[in-house]
N, C-alpha and C. Protein backbone atom coordinates (compact mmCIF):
# COMPACT_ATOMS: atom_id res chain seq x y z
N UNK A 1 11.18 3.81 -16.89
CA UNK A 1 10.82 3.40 -16.05
C UNK A 1 10.72 4.84 -15.06
N UNK A 2 9.03 4.87 -14.95
CA UNK A 2 8.58 6.30 -13.77
C UNK A 2 8.14 6.02 -12.36
N UNK A 3 7.60 6.41 -11.55
CA UNK A 3 7.44 6.28 -10.44
C UNK A 3 5.64 5.85 -10.41
N UNK A 4 5.49 4.59 -10.50
CA UNK A 4 3.67 4.23 -10.28
C UNK A 4 3.22 3.72 -8.91
N UNK A 5 2.20 3.64 -8.65
CA UNK A 5 1.62 2.57 -8.01
C UNK A 5 0.22 2.16 -8.48
N UNK A 6 0.49 0.45 -8.86
CA UNK A 6 -0.61 -0.20 -9.35
C UNK A 6 -1.66 -0.46 -8.46
N UNK A 7 -3.05 -0.60 -9.12
CA UNK A 7 -4.00 -0.81 -8.40
C UNK A 7 -3.66 -2.47 -7.26
N UNK A 8 -4.09 -2.60 -6.17
CA UNK A 8 -4.04 -4.21 -5.83
C UNK A 8 -4.43 -4.91 -6.23
N UNK A 9 -4.32 -6.30 -6.32
CA UNK A 9 -5.34 -7.71 -6.64
C UNK A 9 -4.64 -8.42 -5.48
N UNK A 10 -6.02 -8.79 -5.12
CA UNK A 10 -7.06 -9.32 -5.72
C UNK A 10 -7.67 -7.94 -5.29
N UNK A 11 -8.92 -7.05 -5.46
CA UNK A 11 -9.61 -6.36 -5.48
C UNK A 11 -10.90 -6.17 -5.10
N UNK A 12 -12.13 -6.58 -3.96
CA UNK A 12 -11.89 -6.73 -3.32
C UNK A 12 -10.68 -8.12 -2.72
N UNK A 13 -10.35 -7.45 -1.29
CA UNK A 13 -9.51 -8.74 -0.85
C UNK A 13 -10.12 -9.40 0.25
N UNK A 14 -9.42 -10.60 0.79
CA UNK A 14 -9.78 -11.37 2.23
C UNK A 14 -8.83 -12.51 2.45
N UNK A 15 -7.77 -12.73 3.01
CA UNK A 15 -7.62 -11.34 4.10
C UNK A 15 -5.93 -10.65 3.53
N UNK A 16 -5.70 -11.00 2.00
CA UNK A 16 -4.64 -10.77 2.09
C UNK A 16 -3.99 -10.35 -0.05
N UNK A 17 -3.48 -9.53 0.17
CA UNK A 17 -3.53 -8.66 -1.36
C UNK A 17 -2.12 -8.69 -1.96
N UNK A 18 -1.47 -8.58 -2.84
CA UNK A 18 -0.29 -7.77 -3.29
C UNK A 18 -0.71 -6.15 -3.67
N UNK A 19 1.02 -5.73 -4.07
CA UNK A 19 0.78 -4.17 -4.04
C UNK A 19 1.90 -3.93 -4.86
N UNK A 20 1.88 -3.74 -6.09
CA UNK A 20 3.37 -3.50 -6.57
C UNK A 20 3.72 -2.51 -7.01
N UNK A 21 3.89 -1.71 -7.04
CA UNK A 21 4.68 -0.39 -7.29
C UNK A 21 6.36 0.12 -8.07
N UNK A 22 6.63 1.25 -8.97
CA UNK A 22 7.86 1.18 -9.52
C UNK A 22 8.00 2.66 -9.18
N UNK A 23 9.87 2.83 -9.27
CA UNK A 23 10.77 3.36 -8.54
C UNK A 23 11.51 4.07 -10.22
N UNK A 24 11.50 5.55 -10.76
CA UNK A 24 12.13 5.98 -11.00
C UNK A 24 13.44 6.00 -10.86
N UNK A 25 13.59 6.09 -9.62
CA UNK A 25 14.88 7.39 -9.15
C UNK A 25 14.46 6.27 -7.59
N UNK A 26 16.32 5.96 -7.38
CA UNK A 26 16.27 5.87 -5.85
C UNK A 26 15.51 6.79 -4.78
N UNK A 27 14.92 6.49 -4.43
CA UNK A 27 13.88 7.76 -3.10
C UNK A 27 13.90 6.70 -1.97
N UNK A 28 13.30 7.36 -0.88
CA UNK A 28 12.70 7.19 0.73
C UNK A 28 11.26 7.64 0.64
N UNK A 29 10.79 5.24 1.00
CA UNK A 29 9.56 5.33 0.05
C UNK A 29 8.73 4.87 1.61
N UNK A 30 7.86 5.48 1.61
CA UNK A 30 6.62 5.31 2.63
C UNK A 30 5.43 4.73 1.40
N UNK A 31 4.99 3.85 2.30
CA UNK A 31 3.66 3.12 2.00
C UNK A 31 2.84 2.26 3.66
N UNK A 32 2.10 2.87 2.79
CA UNK A 32 0.93 3.35 4.38
C UNK A 32 -0.57 2.87 4.19
N UNK A 33 -1.37 2.02 5.53
CA UNK A 33 -2.48 1.70 4.63
C UNK A 33 -3.24 2.91 5.87
N UNK A 34 -4.47 3.36 5.40
CA UNK A 34 -5.02 4.64 5.80
C UNK A 34 -6.52 3.69 6.81
N UNK A 35 -7.47 4.00 7.18
CA UNK A 35 -9.04 3.87 6.98
C UNK A 35 -9.45 5.28 6.60
N UNK A 36 -10.90 4.80 6.90
CA UNK A 36 -11.56 6.26 6.49
C UNK A 36 -11.39 7.19 7.08
N UNK A 37 -10.70 7.70 8.43
CA UNK A 37 -10.64 9.04 8.44
C UNK A 37 -9.32 9.11 9.12
N UNK A 38 -8.76 8.37 8.28
CA UNK A 38 -7.57 8.81 8.27
C UNK A 38 -6.28 8.17 9.13
N UNK A 39 -6.80 7.66 9.76
CA UNK A 39 -5.98 6.64 10.66
C UNK A 39 -5.09 5.83 9.60
N UNK A 40 -3.91 5.98 10.23
CA UNK A 40 -2.76 4.58 9.94
C UNK A 40 -2.74 3.36 10.58
N UNK A 41 -3.46 2.45 9.74
CA UNK A 41 -3.49 1.12 10.27
C UNK A 41 -2.80 -0.06 10.07
N UNK A 42 -1.38 -0.08 9.01
CA UNK A 42 -0.82 -0.74 8.72
C UNK A 42 0.23 0.40 7.80
N UNK A 43 1.60 -0.19 7.92
CA UNK A 43 2.94 0.64 7.66
C UNK A 43 3.76 -0.27 7.01
N UNK A 44 3.23 -0.68 5.60
CA UNK A 44 3.96 -1.46 4.30
C UNK A 44 5.97 -1.65 4.42
N UNK A 45 6.07 -0.28 4.01
CA UNK A 45 7.41 -0.28 3.28
C UNK A 45 7.84 1.65 4.44
N UNK A 46 9.09 1.49 5.02
CA UNK A 46 9.11 2.62 4.94
C UNK A 46 10.94 3.03 5.22
N UNK A 47 11.79 3.09 4.08
CA UNK A 47 12.70 2.69 3.61
C UNK A 47 13.08 3.64 2.93
N UNK A 48 14.57 3.58 2.09
CA UNK A 48 15.08 3.87 0.84
C UNK A 48 15.24 3.03 0.34
N UNK A 49 14.59 3.26 -1.13
CA UNK A 49 15.09 2.06 -1.75
C UNK A 49 15.43 2.88 -3.22
N UNK A 50 15.74 1.17 -4.01
CA UNK A 50 16.70 1.41 -5.22
C UNK A 50 15.77 2.13 -6.20
N UNK A 51 15.67 1.91 -7.67
CA UNK A 51 15.11 2.17 -8.49
C UNK A 51 14.64 1.26 -9.09
N UNK A 52 13.55 0.88 -9.70
CA UNK A 52 13.08 -1.15 -9.86
C UNK A 52 11.67 -0.96 -9.67
N UNK A 53 11.08 -2.29 -9.85
CA UNK A 53 9.91 -2.79 -9.43
C UNK A 53 9.99 -3.36 -8.58
N UNK A 54 8.59 -3.37 -7.54
CA UNK A 54 8.21 -4.14 -6.45
C UNK A 54 6.68 -4.78 -5.65
N UNK A 55 6.93 -5.44 -4.86
CA UNK A 55 5.47 -6.18 -4.91
C UNK A 55 5.61 -6.37 -3.25
N UNK A 56 4.56 -5.78 -2.77
CA UNK A 56 4.50 -6.51 -1.12
C UNK A 56 3.39 -7.26 -0.49
N UNK A 57 3.21 -7.87 -0.25
CA UNK A 57 2.02 -8.00 0.41
C UNK A 57 1.88 -7.97 1.61
N UNK A 58 0.21 -7.66 1.79
CA UNK A 58 -0.91 -7.29 2.41
C UNK A 58 -1.62 -7.50 3.09
N UNK A 59 -1.61 -8.61 4.48
CA UNK A 59 -1.90 -9.20 4.78
C UNK A 59 -3.32 -8.88 5.91
N UNK A 60 -4.57 -8.16 5.88
CA UNK A 60 -5.33 -7.63 7.26
C UNK A 60 -5.79 -8.20 8.34
N UNK A 61 -5.06 -9.96 7.79
CA UNK A 61 -5.77 -10.59 9.11
C UNK A 61 -4.81 -10.87 10.48
N UNK A 62 -3.31 -9.64 9.63
CA UNK A 62 -2.36 -10.12 11.15
C UNK A 62 -2.19 -8.54 11.02
N UNK A 63 -2.93 -7.28 10.83
CA UNK A 63 -3.22 -6.55 11.67
C UNK A 63 -3.57 -6.46 13.43
N UNK A 64 -2.93 -5.23 13.99
CA UNK A 64 -3.22 -5.29 15.14
C UNK A 64 -3.79 -3.86 15.46
N UNK A 65 -4.92 -4.42 15.86
CA UNK A 65 -6.05 -5.41 15.78
C UNK A 65 -6.52 -5.55 14.39
N UNK A 66 -7.00 -6.70 14.12
CA UNK A 66 -7.22 -7.45 12.91
C UNK A 66 -8.29 -6.31 12.30
N UNK A 67 -8.26 -6.36 11.49
CA UNK A 67 -9.26 -4.92 10.04
C UNK A 67 -10.56 -5.01 10.41
N UNK A 68 -11.28 -4.80 9.98
CA UNK A 68 -13.07 -5.01 9.74
C UNK A 68 -12.67 -4.52 8.31
N UNK A 69 -14.35 -5.04 8.37
CA UNK A 69 -14.48 -5.23 6.71
C UNK A 69 -14.90 -3.28 5.94
N UNK A 70 -14.49 -3.13 4.94
CA UNK A 70 -14.31 -1.55 4.32
C UNK A 70 -13.50 -0.95 3.93
N UNK A 71 -13.59 0.00 3.34
CA UNK A 71 -12.55 0.38 2.78
C UNK A 71 -11.43 1.28 3.31
N UNK A 72 -10.45 1.10 2.40
CA UNK A 72 -9.07 1.65 2.86
C UNK A 72 -8.48 2.63 2.02
N UNK A 73 -7.51 3.09 2.29
CA UNK A 73 -6.74 3.80 0.95
C UNK A 73 -5.18 3.38 1.31
N UNK A 74 -4.39 3.00 0.30
CA UNK A 74 -3.14 2.72 0.01
C UNK A 74 -2.23 3.85 -0.64
N UNK A 75 -1.65 4.99 0.65
CA UNK A 75 -0.21 5.73 -0.17
C UNK A 75 0.70 5.88 -0.41
N UNK A 76 1.28 5.71 -1.46
CA UNK A 76 2.35 5.54 -1.95
C UNK A 76 3.62 7.11 -1.57
N UNK A 77 4.24 7.65 -0.90
CA UNK A 77 5.04 8.84 -1.08
C UNK A 77 6.83 8.00 -1.31
N UNK A 78 6.77 8.52 -2.73
CA UNK A 78 8.76 8.17 -2.82
C UNK A 78 9.24 9.33 -3.26
N UNK A 79 10.16 10.05 -2.52
CA UNK A 79 10.82 11.45 -2.74
C UNK A 79 9.12 12.23 -3.02
N UNK A 80 9.71 13.49 -4.40
CA UNK A 80 8.18 13.67 -4.29
C UNK A 80 6.78 13.51 -5.27
N UNK A 81 6.78 12.18 -5.01
CA UNK A 81 6.02 11.70 -6.00
C UNK A 81 5.04 11.20 -4.86
N UNK A 82 3.62 11.32 -5.01
CA UNK A 82 2.90 10.74 -4.46
C UNK A 82 1.64 9.91 -5.02
N UNK A 83 0.95 9.26 -4.62
CA UNK A 83 -0.36 8.54 -5.39
C UNK A 83 -0.90 7.71 -4.07
N UNK A 84 -2.27 7.71 -4.12
CA UNK A 84 -3.28 7.45 -3.21
C UNK A 84 -4.35 5.91 -3.93
N UNK A 85 -4.00 4.90 -3.51
CA UNK A 85 -5.51 3.64 -4.36
C UNK A 85 -5.97 3.78 -3.33
N UNK A 86 -7.47 2.89 -3.79
CA UNK A 86 -9.18 2.72 -2.66
C UNK A 86 -8.89 0.92 -2.87
N UNK A 87 -8.41 0.30 -1.06
CA UNK A 87 -8.89 -1.74 -1.09
C UNK A 87 -10.38 -1.22 -0.32
N UNK A 88 -10.06 -2.52 -0.80
CA UNK A 88 -11.66 -2.50 -0.09
C UNK A 88 -11.83 -4.76 0.44
N UNK A 89 -12.04 -3.85 1.75
CA UNK A 89 -11.14 -5.39 2.66
C UNK A 89 -12.97 -6.21 2.55
N UNK A 90 -12.93 -7.66 1.88
CA UNK A 90 -14.73 -7.69 2.69
C UNK A 90 -13.95 -9.54 3.51
N UNK A 91 -14.75 -8.63 4.58
CA UNK A 91 -14.75 -10.68 4.98
C UNK A 91 -15.80 -11.17 4.99
């Protein structure tokens, strides 16, 4: 098992998607969604987690305010591991 951030499914999505990631060892985990200009639009995880595989649901319709169609970035920070994926929301 290694640190990894998988591509969300489905992608493009409307309004919900699932995100899977794996942790090689216990770490402080931050999983956040950003818009194209780098503003944080959602925090999905901000907690210490044990090694293992995790699945998180993201519903763009529940964001405040609701997100518009477009490209967003998903960033996973877990200890020294950092990974970013592109999300596409199509309404």
